[in-house]
Amino acid sequence: FGCQLHHLMYCFIVAYATRRTLILDSKGWAYSSEHGWSDVFQPLSTTCTAADHPVNWGSNHRNMKTVSLPIIESLVPRLPQLPQAVPKDLADELMAFHGHPFVWFAGHFVKYLMRPNAKMQSYIDSKSKGLSIQKPYVGIQVRRTDKINTEAAFHTLAEYMVHVEEWYEYQEVLGNHWKKRVYIATDD
């Protein structure tokens, strides 16, 4: 799911950068083949839902109304707006208040993409009622299986916890004296 979300985020950023509307054709999606993305999440648009004769991205993409994007590694010609770039008109402000501006910028695209539909929101609400998770907490994802030695190196849990501790130390400086809680998501 993560790699598909990354691909969709990159498509959304390219649409934004080229002043196009992103149209998602997700029928046959591996996670919900019947209705695709909208079986779990809100549709990206209720009015722009079908593309007229998209052409593959290429040297003449600027002249085309509708283009189909390949995976990011195959994008030729490449755009200067690809991750990890941020728009020039936002860059100065973002750098002033965020240590990694692209994370903030991309996070807003992902937040929009992952808006649960009513059915999924109801499911989330029903499942979260029985949980006794107290806030605040730091959430980390520890991957151990499919990414090790292919896309990522192995990191010990202690390495992750250094960053958790840094976050809580920063909160102390801000005057927040919270009990330290950590939520770990892992496939290990």
N, C-alpha and C. Protein backbone atom coordinates (compact mmCIF):
# COMPACT_ATOMS: atom_id res chain seq x y z
N PHE A 1 0.82 -1.20 0.00
CA PHE A 1 0.00 0.00 0.00
C PHE A 1 0.86 1.26 0.00
N GLY A 2 1.92 1.25 0.79
CA GLY A 2 2.77 2.43 0.91
C GLY A 2 3.35 2.89 -0.41
N CYS A 3 3.84 1.94 -1.22
CA CYS A 3 4.44 2.34 -2.50
C CYS A 3 3.37 2.91 -3.43
N GLN A 4 2.14 2.39 -3.35
CA GLN A 4 1.07 2.93 -4.19
C GLN A 4 0.67 4.33 -3.72
N LEU A 5 0.68 4.55 -2.41
CA LEU A 5 0.38 5.88 -1.89
C LEU A 5 1.48 6.87 -2.30
N HIS A 6 2.73 6.44 -2.24
CA HIS A 6 3.82 7.31 -2.69
C HIS A 6 3.65 7.67 -4.16
N HIS A 7 3.28 6.69 -4.98
CA HIS A 7 3.08 6.95 -6.41
C HIS A 7 1.94 7.95 -6.61
N LEU A 8 0.86 7.76 -5.89
CA LEU A 8 -0.28 8.67 -6.02
C LEU A 8 0.09 10.08 -5.56
N MET A 9 0.87 10.18 -4.49
CA MET A 9 1.31 11.49 -4.00
C MET A 9 2.17 12.18 -5.06
N TYR A 10 3.08 11.44 -5.67
CA TYR A 10 3.93 12.02 -6.72
C TYR A 10 3.06 12.48 -7.90
N CYS A 11 2.06 11.69 -8.29
CA CYS A 11 1.16 12.09 -9.37
C CYS A 11 0.42 13.37 -9.01
N PHE A 12 -0.02 13.47 -7.76
CA PHE A 12 -0.73 14.65 -7.29
C PHE A 12 0.18 15.88 -7.34
N ILE A 13 1.43 15.72 -6.93
CA ILE A 13 2.38 16.83 -6.94
C ILE A 13 2.67 17.25 -8.39
N VAL A 14 2.81 16.30 -9.29
CA VAL A 14 3.04 16.63 -10.70
C VAL A 14 1.82 17.36 -11.26
N ALA A 15 0.63 16.91 -10.92
CA ALA A 15 -0.58 17.60 -11.37
C ALA A 15 -0.59 19.04 -10.86
N TYR A 16 -0.27 19.22 -9.60
CA TYR A 16 -0.20 20.56 -9.01
C TYR A 16 0.84 21.42 -9.74
N ALA A 17 2.03 20.85 -9.95
CA ALA A 17 3.13 21.59 -10.57
C ALA A 17 2.85 21.96 -12.02
N THR A 18 2.08 21.12 -12.71
CA THR A 18 1.80 21.38 -14.13
C THR A 18 0.41 22.00 -14.33
N ARG A 19 -0.22 22.36 -13.22
CA ARG A 19 -1.55 23.00 -13.25
C ARG A 19 -2.59 22.13 -13.94
N ARG A 20 -2.54 20.86 -13.59
CA ARG A 20 -3.53 19.91 -14.12
C ARG A 20 -4.37 19.38 -12.96
N THR A 21 -5.49 18.79 -13.29
CA THR A 21 -6.32 18.11 -12.30
C THR A 21 -5.93 16.65 -12.28
N LEU A 22 -5.72 16.10 -11.10
CA LEU A 22 -5.39 14.68 -10.99
C LEU A 22 -6.68 13.87 -11.10
N ILE A 23 -6.69 12.95 -12.03
CA ILE A 23 -7.80 12.02 -12.18
C ILE A 23 -7.26 10.64 -11.90
N LEU A 24 -7.86 9.98 -10.94
CA LEU A 24 -7.39 8.67 -10.51
C LEU A 24 -8.29 7.57 -11.07
N ASP A 25 -7.70 6.70 -11.84
CA ASP A 25 -8.41 5.52 -12.33
C ASP A 25 -7.86 4.34 -11.55
N SER A 26 -8.58 3.93 -10.51
CA SER A 26 -8.08 2.88 -9.63
C SER A 26 -8.92 1.60 -9.68
N LYS A 27 -9.71 1.45 -10.70
CA LYS A 27 -10.47 0.21 -10.84
C LYS A 27 -9.47 -0.94 -10.94
N GLY A 28 -9.72 -2.00 -10.23
CA GLY A 28 -8.80 -3.13 -10.21
C GLY A 28 -7.66 -2.96 -9.22
N TRP A 29 -7.76 -1.95 -8.35
CA TRP A 29 -6.74 -1.70 -7.33
C TRP A 29 -6.60 -2.95 -6.46
N ALA A 30 -5.39 -3.34 -6.15
CA ALA A 30 -5.13 -4.58 -5.41
C ALA A 30 -5.83 -4.63 -4.05
N TYR A 31 -6.05 -3.48 -3.44
CA TYR A 31 -6.63 -3.46 -2.10
C TYR A 31 -8.15 -3.39 -2.11
N SER A 32 -8.74 -3.08 -3.23
CA SER A 32 -10.19 -3.04 -3.36
C SER A 32 -10.52 -2.98 -4.84
N SER A 33 -10.62 -4.14 -5.45
CA SER A 33 -10.76 -4.18 -6.91
C SER A 33 -12.13 -3.73 -7.41
N GLU A 34 -13.15 -3.83 -6.56
CA GLU A 34 -14.49 -3.48 -7.04
C GLU A 34 -14.65 -1.99 -7.33
N HIS A 35 -14.36 -1.16 -6.33
CA HIS A 35 -14.56 0.29 -6.49
C HIS A 35 -13.26 1.07 -6.47
N GLY A 36 -12.16 0.40 -6.29
CA GLY A 36 -10.88 1.09 -6.27
C GLY A 36 -10.71 1.97 -5.04
N TRP A 37 -9.99 3.05 -5.23
CA TRP A 37 -9.63 3.97 -4.15
C TRP A 37 -10.84 4.41 -3.34
N SER A 38 -11.94 4.71 -4.01
CA SER A 38 -13.11 5.27 -3.32
C SER A 38 -13.87 4.24 -2.49
N ASP A 39 -13.45 2.98 -2.54
CA ASP A 39 -14.06 1.99 -1.65
C ASP A 39 -13.59 2.18 -0.22
N VAL A 40 -12.46 2.87 -0.06
CA VAL A 40 -11.89 3.10 1.27
C VAL A 40 -11.79 4.59 1.57
N PHE A 41 -11.38 5.36 0.58
CA PHE A 41 -11.15 6.79 0.76
C PHE A 41 -12.14 7.61 -0.04
N GLN A 42 -12.25 8.88 0.33
CA GLN A 42 -13.11 9.77 -0.45
C GLN A 42 -12.52 9.94 -1.84
N PRO A 43 -13.36 10.08 -2.84
CA PRO A 43 -12.82 10.30 -4.18
C PRO A 43 -12.03 11.61 -4.23
N LEU A 44 -11.05 11.68 -5.10
CA LEU A 44 -10.25 12.90 -5.22
C LEU A 44 -11.11 14.04 -5.74
N SER A 45 -12.10 13.71 -6.56
CA SER A 45 -13.01 14.70 -7.10
C SER A 45 -14.35 14.01 -7.37
N THR A 46 -15.41 14.77 -7.29
CA THR A 46 -16.72 14.22 -7.66
C THR A 46 -17.13 14.68 -9.05
N THR A 47 -16.35 15.60 -9.63
CA THR A 47 -16.70 16.13 -10.95
C THR A 47 -15.71 15.72 -12.03
N CYS A 48 -14.45 15.60 -11.70
CA CYS A 48 -13.42 15.20 -12.67
C CYS A 48 -13.05 13.74 -12.39
N THR A 49 -13.73 12.84 -13.05
CA THR A 49 -13.55 11.43 -12.73
C THR A 49 -13.08 10.58 -13.90
N ALA A 50 -13.03 11.13 -15.08
CA ALA A 50 -12.59 10.36 -16.25
C ALA A 50 -11.71 11.23 -17.13
N ALA A 51 -10.65 10.62 -17.65
CA ALA A 51 -9.72 11.34 -18.52
C ALA A 51 -10.03 11.04 -19.98
N ASP A 52 -10.00 12.08 -20.80
CA ASP A 52 -10.20 11.91 -22.24
C ASP A 52 -8.89 11.59 -22.94
N HIS A 53 -8.75 10.39 -23.40
CA HIS A 53 -7.61 9.97 -24.21
C HIS A 53 -6.26 10.42 -23.66
N PRO A 54 -5.87 9.95 -22.49
CA PRO A 54 -4.56 10.35 -21.96
C PRO A 54 -3.43 9.81 -22.83
N VAL A 55 -2.39 10.60 -22.96
CA VAL A 55 -1.18 10.17 -23.67
C VAL A 55 -0.08 9.96 -22.63
N ASN A 56 0.85 9.10 -22.96
CA ASN A 56 1.95 8.86 -22.03
C ASN A 56 2.82 10.10 -21.90
N TRP A 57 3.30 10.32 -20.69
CA TRP A 57 4.19 11.43 -20.41
C TRP A 57 5.40 11.33 -21.34
N GLY A 58 5.83 12.46 -21.87
CA GLY A 58 7.00 12.46 -22.75
C GLY A 58 7.41 13.86 -23.09
N SER A 59 8.19 13.98 -24.15
CA SER A 59 8.76 15.29 -24.51
C SER A 59 7.70 16.33 -24.86
N ASN A 60 6.53 15.89 -25.30
CA ASN A 60 5.49 16.86 -25.66
C ASN A 60 4.39 16.98 -24.61
N HIS A 61 4.68 16.60 -23.37
CA HIS A 61 3.65 16.61 -22.33
C HIS A 61 3.08 18.01 -22.06
N ARG A 62 3.86 19.04 -22.29
CA ARG A 62 3.38 20.41 -22.01
C ARG A 62 2.20 20.79 -22.90
N ASN A 63 2.15 20.20 -24.10
CA ASN A 63 1.10 20.54 -25.05
C ASN A 63 -0.14 19.67 -24.92
N MET A 64 -0.08 18.67 -24.06
CA MET A 64 -1.18 17.72 -23.95
C MET A 64 -2.09 18.08 -22.78
N LYS A 65 -3.37 17.95 -23.01
CA LYS A 65 -4.35 18.23 -21.95
C LYS A 65 -4.32 17.15 -20.89
N THR A 66 -4.23 15.89 -21.31
CA THR A 66 -4.31 14.77 -20.39
C THR A 66 -3.10 13.87 -20.59
N VAL A 67 -2.38 13.61 -19.51
CA VAL A 67 -1.21 12.74 -19.59
C VAL A 67 -1.32 11.63 -18.56
N SER A 68 -0.67 10.53 -18.86
CA SER A 68 -0.60 9.38 -17.96
C SER A 68 0.84 9.29 -17.47
N LEU A 69 1.01 9.20 -16.15
CA LEU A 69 2.36 9.21 -15.58
C LEU A 69 2.88 7.80 -15.31
N PRO A 70 4.16 7.56 -15.61
CA PRO A 70 4.78 6.28 -15.25
C PRO A 70 5.23 6.34 -13.80
N ILE A 71 5.85 5.27 -13.32
CA ILE A 71 6.44 5.33 -11.99
C ILE A 71 7.51 6.41 -12.00
N ILE A 72 7.79 6.98 -10.86
CA ILE A 72 8.65 8.16 -10.77
C ILE A 72 10.05 7.92 -11.34
N GLU A 73 10.57 6.70 -11.18
CA GLU A 73 11.91 6.41 -11.67
C GLU A 73 11.99 6.44 -13.20
N SER A 74 10.85 6.29 -13.86
CA SER A 74 10.82 6.26 -15.33
C SER A 74 10.39 7.58 -15.96
N LEU A 75 10.20 8.61 -15.15
CA LEU A 75 9.69 9.88 -15.67
C LEU A 75 10.77 10.62 -16.46
N VAL A 76 10.56 10.75 -17.75
CA VAL A 76 11.46 11.49 -18.64
C VAL A 76 10.61 12.31 -19.59
N PRO A 77 10.79 13.61 -19.68
CA PRO A 77 11.74 14.41 -18.92
C PRO A 77 11.28 14.60 -17.47
N ARG A 78 12.27 14.77 -16.61
CA ARG A 78 11.98 14.96 -15.19
C ARG A 78 11.63 16.43 -14.92
N LEU A 79 10.79 16.61 -13.94
CA LEU A 79 10.38 17.96 -13.56
C LEU A 79 11.20 18.45 -12.37
N PRO A 80 11.46 19.74 -12.29
CA PRO A 80 12.17 20.26 -11.10
C PRO A 80 11.30 20.19 -9.84
N GLN A 81 9.99 20.00 -10.00
CA GLN A 81 9.09 19.97 -8.85
C GLN A 81 8.94 18.59 -8.22
N LEU A 82 9.68 17.62 -8.67
CA LEU A 82 9.54 16.28 -8.12
C LEU A 82 10.03 16.25 -6.67
N PRO A 83 9.55 15.28 -5.91
CA PRO A 83 10.02 15.16 -4.53
C PRO A 83 11.55 15.11 -4.51
N GLN A 84 12.12 15.90 -3.73
CA GLN A 84 11.73 16.55 -2.51
C GLN A 84 11.67 18.07 -2.64
N ALA A 85 11.25 18.55 -3.74
CA ALA A 85 11.14 19.98 -3.98
C ALA A 85 9.87 20.54 -3.34
N VAL A 86 9.92 21.82 -3.02
CA VAL A 86 8.73 22.54 -2.56
C VAL A 86 8.56 23.76 -3.47
N PRO A 87 7.35 24.24 -3.65
CA PRO A 87 7.13 25.41 -4.51
C PRO A 87 7.90 26.64 -4.01
N LYS A 88 8.44 27.39 -4.95
CA LYS A 88 9.22 28.59 -4.60
C LYS A 88 8.41 29.56 -3.77
N ASP A 89 7.12 29.71 -4.10
CA ASP A 89 6.31 30.70 -3.37
C ASP A 89 6.02 30.29 -1.93
N LEU A 90 6.27 29.04 -1.57
CA LEU A 90 6.07 28.56 -0.20
C LEU A 90 7.38 28.29 0.53
N ALA A 91 8.48 28.19 -0.20
CA ALA A 91 9.74 27.70 0.37
C ALA A 91 10.23 28.52 1.56
N ASP A 92 10.28 29.83 1.45
CA ASP A 92 10.82 30.65 2.54
C ASP A 92 10.00 30.50 3.82
N GLU A 93 8.68 30.55 3.68
CA GLU A 93 7.83 30.40 4.87
C GLU A 93 7.97 29.01 5.48
N LEU A 94 7.99 27.99 4.64
CA LEU A 94 8.12 26.63 5.15
C LEU A 94 9.45 26.41 5.87
N MET A 95 10.51 26.94 5.30
CA MET A 95 11.83 26.77 5.93
C MET A 95 11.91 27.50 7.26
N ALA A 96 11.12 28.55 7.41
CA ALA A 96 11.14 29.32 8.66
C ALA A 96 10.50 28.56 9.83
N PHE A 97 9.54 27.70 9.54
CA PHE A 97 8.88 27.02 10.65
C PHE A 97 8.96 25.50 10.63
N HIS A 98 9.60 24.92 9.65
CA HIS A 98 9.67 23.46 9.60
C HIS A 98 11.07 23.02 9.21
N GLY A 99 11.61 22.05 9.92
CA GLY A 99 12.96 21.56 9.66
C GLY A 99 13.12 20.81 8.36
N HIS A 100 12.04 20.29 7.83
CA HIS A 100 12.09 19.55 6.56
C HIS A 100 10.85 19.94 5.77
N PRO A 101 10.92 21.05 5.02
CA PRO A 101 9.74 21.60 4.36
C PRO A 101 9.00 20.62 3.46
N PHE A 102 9.71 19.73 2.77
CA PHE A 102 9.02 18.80 1.88
C PHE A 102 8.09 17.88 2.66
N VAL A 103 8.47 17.49 3.85
CA VAL A 103 7.62 16.61 4.66
C VAL A 103 6.29 17.31 4.94
N TRP A 104 6.36 18.58 5.30
CA TRP A 104 5.13 19.34 5.56
C TRP A 104 4.30 19.44 4.29
N PHE A 105 4.96 19.81 3.18
CA PHE A 105 4.28 20.00 1.90
C PHE A 105 3.62 18.69 1.44
N ALA A 106 4.38 17.63 1.39
CA ALA A 106 3.86 16.33 0.94
C ALA A 106 2.80 15.81 1.90
N GLY A 107 2.98 16.08 3.18
CA GLY A 107 2.01 15.62 4.17
C GLY A 107 0.62 16.15 3.91
N HIS A 108 0.50 17.35 3.39
CA HIS A 108 -0.82 17.90 3.08
C HIS A 108 -1.46 17.20 1.88
N PHE A 109 -0.66 16.80 0.92
CA PHE A 109 -1.19 16.02 -0.20
C PHE A 109 -1.68 14.66 0.31
N VAL A 110 -0.87 14.02 1.14
CA VAL A 110 -1.23 12.70 1.66
C VAL A 110 -2.46 12.79 2.55
N LYS A 111 -2.53 13.82 3.37
CA LYS A 111 -3.71 14.01 4.22
C LYS A 111 -4.97 14.10 3.38
N TYR A 112 -4.90 14.83 2.27
CA TYR A 112 -6.06 14.94 1.39
C TYR A 112 -6.38 13.60 0.73
N LEU A 113 -5.36 12.92 0.25
CA LEU A 113 -5.57 11.64 -0.41
C LEU A 113 -6.19 10.59 0.51
N MET A 114 -5.83 10.62 1.78
CA MET A 114 -6.24 9.57 2.71
C MET A 114 -7.46 9.94 3.56
N ARG A 115 -8.30 10.79 3.05
CA ARG A 115 -9.53 11.12 3.78
C ARG A 115 -10.46 9.90 3.70
N PRO A 116 -10.74 9.27 4.82
CA PRO A 116 -11.60 8.08 4.76
C PRO A 116 -13.01 8.41 4.31
N ASN A 117 -13.62 7.50 3.55
CA ASN A 117 -15.01 7.71 3.16
C ASN A 117 -15.89 7.38 4.38
N ALA A 118 -17.18 7.59 4.27
CA ALA A 118 -18.09 7.42 5.41
C ALA A 118 -18.04 6.00 5.97
N LYS A 119 -18.01 5.01 5.10
CA LYS A 119 -17.97 3.62 5.54
C LYS A 119 -16.69 3.33 6.33
N MET A 120 -15.55 3.79 5.82
CA MET A 120 -14.29 3.56 6.51
C MET A 120 -14.21 4.36 7.79
N GLN A 121 -14.71 5.60 7.79
CA GLN A 121 -14.69 6.41 9.01
C GLN A 121 -15.53 5.76 10.10
N SER A 122 -16.65 5.20 9.73
CA SER A 122 -17.50 4.49 10.69
C SER A 122 -16.76 3.29 11.26
N TYR A 123 -16.06 2.56 10.41
CA TYR A 123 -15.27 1.41 10.86
C TYR A 123 -14.16 1.85 11.82
N ILE A 124 -13.45 2.91 11.46
CA ILE A 124 -12.38 3.43 12.32
C ILE A 124 -12.94 3.85 13.67
N ASP A 125 -14.05 4.58 13.64
CA ASP A 125 -14.67 5.04 14.89
C ASP A 125 -15.09 3.87 15.77
N SER A 126 -15.69 2.84 15.18
CA SER A 126 -16.14 1.69 15.98
C SER A 126 -14.97 0.93 16.58
N LYS A 127 -13.88 0.80 15.86
CA LYS A 127 -12.71 0.08 16.36
C LYS A 127 -11.94 0.88 17.39
N SER A 128 -11.92 2.19 17.26
CA SER A 128 -11.12 3.00 18.18
C SER A 128 -11.83 3.25 19.51
N LYS A 129 -13.13 3.01 19.58
CA LYS A 129 -13.86 3.22 20.84
C LYS A 129 -13.36 2.30 21.95
N GLY A 130 -12.98 1.09 21.62
CA GLY A 130 -12.53 0.14 22.62
C GLY A 130 -11.07 0.27 23.02
N LEU A 131 -10.35 1.14 22.37
CA LEU A 131 -8.93 1.31 22.67
C LEU A 131 -8.74 2.30 23.81
N SER A 132 -7.74 2.04 24.62
CA SER A 132 -7.48 2.96 25.72
C SER A 132 -6.13 3.64 25.52
N ILE A 133 -5.93 4.17 24.33
CA ILE A 133 -4.68 4.86 24.01
C ILE A 133 -4.76 6.28 24.55
N GLN A 134 -3.77 6.62 25.36
CA GLN A 134 -3.73 7.97 25.91
C GLN A 134 -2.78 8.82 25.08
N LYS A 135 -3.09 10.09 24.98
CA LYS A 135 -2.28 11.01 24.20
C LYS A 135 -1.52 11.94 25.13
N PRO A 136 -0.43 12.50 24.70
CA PRO A 136 0.21 12.29 23.41
C PRO A 136 1.07 11.03 23.42
N TYR A 137 1.41 10.59 22.22
CA TYR A 137 2.34 9.49 22.06
C TYR A 137 3.09 9.68 20.75
N VAL A 138 4.24 9.06 20.66
CA VAL A 138 5.04 9.10 19.44
C VAL A 138 4.82 7.78 18.73
N GLY A 139 4.48 7.84 17.46
CA GLY A 139 4.29 6.63 16.67
C GLY A 139 5.47 6.40 15.76
N ILE A 140 5.96 5.17 15.72
CA ILE A 140 7.05 4.82 14.82
C ILE A 140 6.70 3.54 14.08
N GLN A 141 7.21 3.42 12.87
CA GLN A 141 7.04 2.19 12.10
C GLN A 141 8.40 1.53 11.97
N VAL A 142 8.47 0.29 12.42
CA VAL A 142 9.70 -0.49 12.37
C VAL A 142 9.51 -1.59 11.33
N ARG A 143 10.17 -1.45 10.19
CA ARG A 143 10.04 -2.45 9.12
C ARG A 143 11.17 -3.44 9.24
N ARG A 144 10.81 -4.71 9.13
CA ARG A 144 11.81 -5.75 9.28
C ARG A 144 11.82 -6.75 8.13
N THR A 145 10.80 -6.82 7.32
CA THR A 145 10.74 -7.92 6.36
C THR A 145 11.04 -7.50 4.94
N ASP A 146 10.07 -7.01 4.22
CA ASP A 146 10.20 -6.84 2.77
C ASP A 146 11.17 -5.76 2.32
N LYS A 147 11.54 -4.84 3.16
CA LYS A 147 12.40 -3.74 2.72
C LYS A 147 13.87 -3.92 3.10
N ILE A 148 14.14 -4.76 4.08
CA ILE A 148 15.52 -4.94 4.55
C ILE A 148 16.39 -5.52 3.44
N ASN A 149 17.54 -4.90 3.24
CA ASN A 149 18.55 -5.29 2.25
C ASN A 149 18.10 -5.10 0.80
N THR A 150 16.94 -4.49 0.59
CA THR A 150 16.54 -4.15 -0.78
C THR A 150 16.41 -2.64 -0.90
N GLU A 151 15.54 -2.04 -0.07
CA GLU A 151 15.34 -0.59 -0.10
C GLU A 151 15.80 0.08 1.18
N ALA A 152 16.05 -0.69 2.21
CA ALA A 152 16.38 -0.09 3.50
C ALA A 152 17.38 -0.97 4.25
N ALA A 153 18.13 -0.31 5.11
CA ALA A 153 19.07 -1.02 5.97
C ALA A 153 18.37 -1.39 7.27
N PHE A 154 18.90 -2.38 7.95
CA PHE A 154 18.37 -2.79 9.25
C PHE A 154 18.75 -1.74 10.29
N HIS A 155 17.80 -1.34 11.12
CA HIS A 155 18.06 -0.43 12.22
C HIS A 155 17.54 -1.05 13.51
N THR A 156 18.31 -0.97 14.57
CA THR A 156 17.89 -1.52 15.84
C THR A 156 16.79 -0.64 16.43
N LEU A 157 16.03 -1.22 17.33
CA LEU A 157 14.98 -0.45 17.99
C LEU A 157 15.59 0.73 18.75
N ALA A 158 16.79 0.55 19.30
CA ALA A 158 17.46 1.63 20.03
C ALA A 158 17.69 2.84 19.12
N GLU A 159 17.98 2.60 17.84
CA GLU A 159 18.18 3.72 16.90
C GLU A 159 16.89 4.52 16.72
N TYR A 160 15.78 3.85 16.66
CA TYR A 160 14.50 4.53 16.55
C TYR A 160 14.22 5.35 17.81
N MET A 161 14.53 4.75 18.94
CA MET A 161 14.20 5.38 20.22
C MET A 161 15.01 6.65 20.46
N VAL A 162 16.18 6.78 19.84
CA VAL A 162 16.95 8.03 19.95
C VAL A 162 16.09 9.19 19.46
N HIS A 163 15.40 9.00 18.36
CA HIS A 163 14.55 10.06 17.80
C HIS A 163 13.32 10.31 18.66
N VAL A 164 12.78 9.26 19.23
CA VAL A 164 11.65 9.41 20.14
C VAL A 164 12.07 10.24 21.35
N GLU A 165 13.23 9.91 21.90
CA GLU A 165 13.73 10.65 23.06
C GLU A 165 13.99 12.11 22.71
N GLU A 166 14.54 12.37 21.54
CA GLU A 166 14.78 13.75 21.10
C GLU A 166 13.48 14.54 21.05
N TRP A 167 12.40 13.89 20.55
CA TRP A 167 11.12 14.58 20.45
C TRP A 167 10.60 14.95 21.84
N TYR A 168 10.69 14.00 22.78
CA TYR A 168 10.21 14.28 24.14
C TYR A 168 11.09 15.33 24.83
N GLU A 169 12.40 15.32 24.57
CA GLU A 169 13.28 16.34 25.14
C GLU A 169 12.91 17.73 24.61
N TYR A 170 12.59 17.81 23.32
CA TYR A 170 12.17 19.07 22.73
C TYR A 170 10.87 19.54 23.37
N GLN A 171 9.96 18.63 23.61
CA GLN A 171 8.69 18.99 24.26
C GLN A 171 8.93 19.52 25.67
N GLU A 172 9.91 18.96 26.37
CA GLU A 172 10.26 19.46 27.71
C GLU A 172 10.73 20.92 27.63
N VAL A 173 11.56 21.22 26.62
CA VAL A 173 12.03 22.59 26.43
C VAL A 173 10.85 23.54 26.22
N LEU A 174 9.83 23.05 25.52
CA LEU A 174 8.63 23.87 25.27
C LEU A 174 7.72 23.96 26.49
N GLY A 175 8.07 23.24 27.57
CA GLY A 175 7.26 23.27 28.78
C GLY A 175 6.22 22.17 28.87
N ASN A 176 6.27 21.21 27.97
CA ASN A 176 5.32 20.09 28.00
C ASN A 176 5.96 18.92 28.74
N HIS A 177 5.43 18.62 29.90
CA HIS A 177 5.99 17.56 30.74
C HIS A 177 5.04 16.36 30.69
N TRP A 178 5.15 15.62 29.61
CA TRP A 178 4.24 14.52 29.36
C TRP A 178 4.88 13.19 29.72
N LYS A 179 4.02 12.26 30.09
CA LYS A 179 4.47 10.88 30.27
C LYS A 179 4.88 10.37 28.89
N LYS A 180 6.00 9.68 28.83
CA LYS A 180 6.51 9.20 27.54
C LYS A 180 5.77 7.93 27.13
N ARG A 181 5.14 8.00 25.96
CA ARG A 181 4.42 6.87 25.40
C ARG A 181 4.86 6.69 23.95
N VAL A 182 4.97 5.43 23.53
CA VAL A 182 5.39 5.13 22.17
C VAL A 182 4.47 4.07 21.60
N TYR A 183 3.99 4.31 20.38
CA TYR A 183 3.21 3.32 19.65
C TYR A 183 4.13 2.78 18.55
N ILE A 184 4.33 1.48 18.55
CA ILE A 184 5.20 0.84 17.56
C ILE A 184 4.36 0.00 16.61
N ALA A 185 4.46 0.31 15.32
CA ALA A 185 3.84 -0.51 14.29
C ALA A 185 4.98 -1.27 13.61
N THR A 186 4.85 -2.58 13.50
CA THR A 186 5.93 -3.36 12.94
C THR A 186 5.39 -4.62 12.27
N ASP A 187 6.15 -5.13 11.34
CA ASP A 187 5.82 -6.41 10.72
C ASP A 187 6.70 -7.51 11.31
N ASP A 188 7.44 -7.20 12.33
CA ASP A 188 8.36 -8.13 12.97
C ASP A 188 7.64 -8.95 14.04
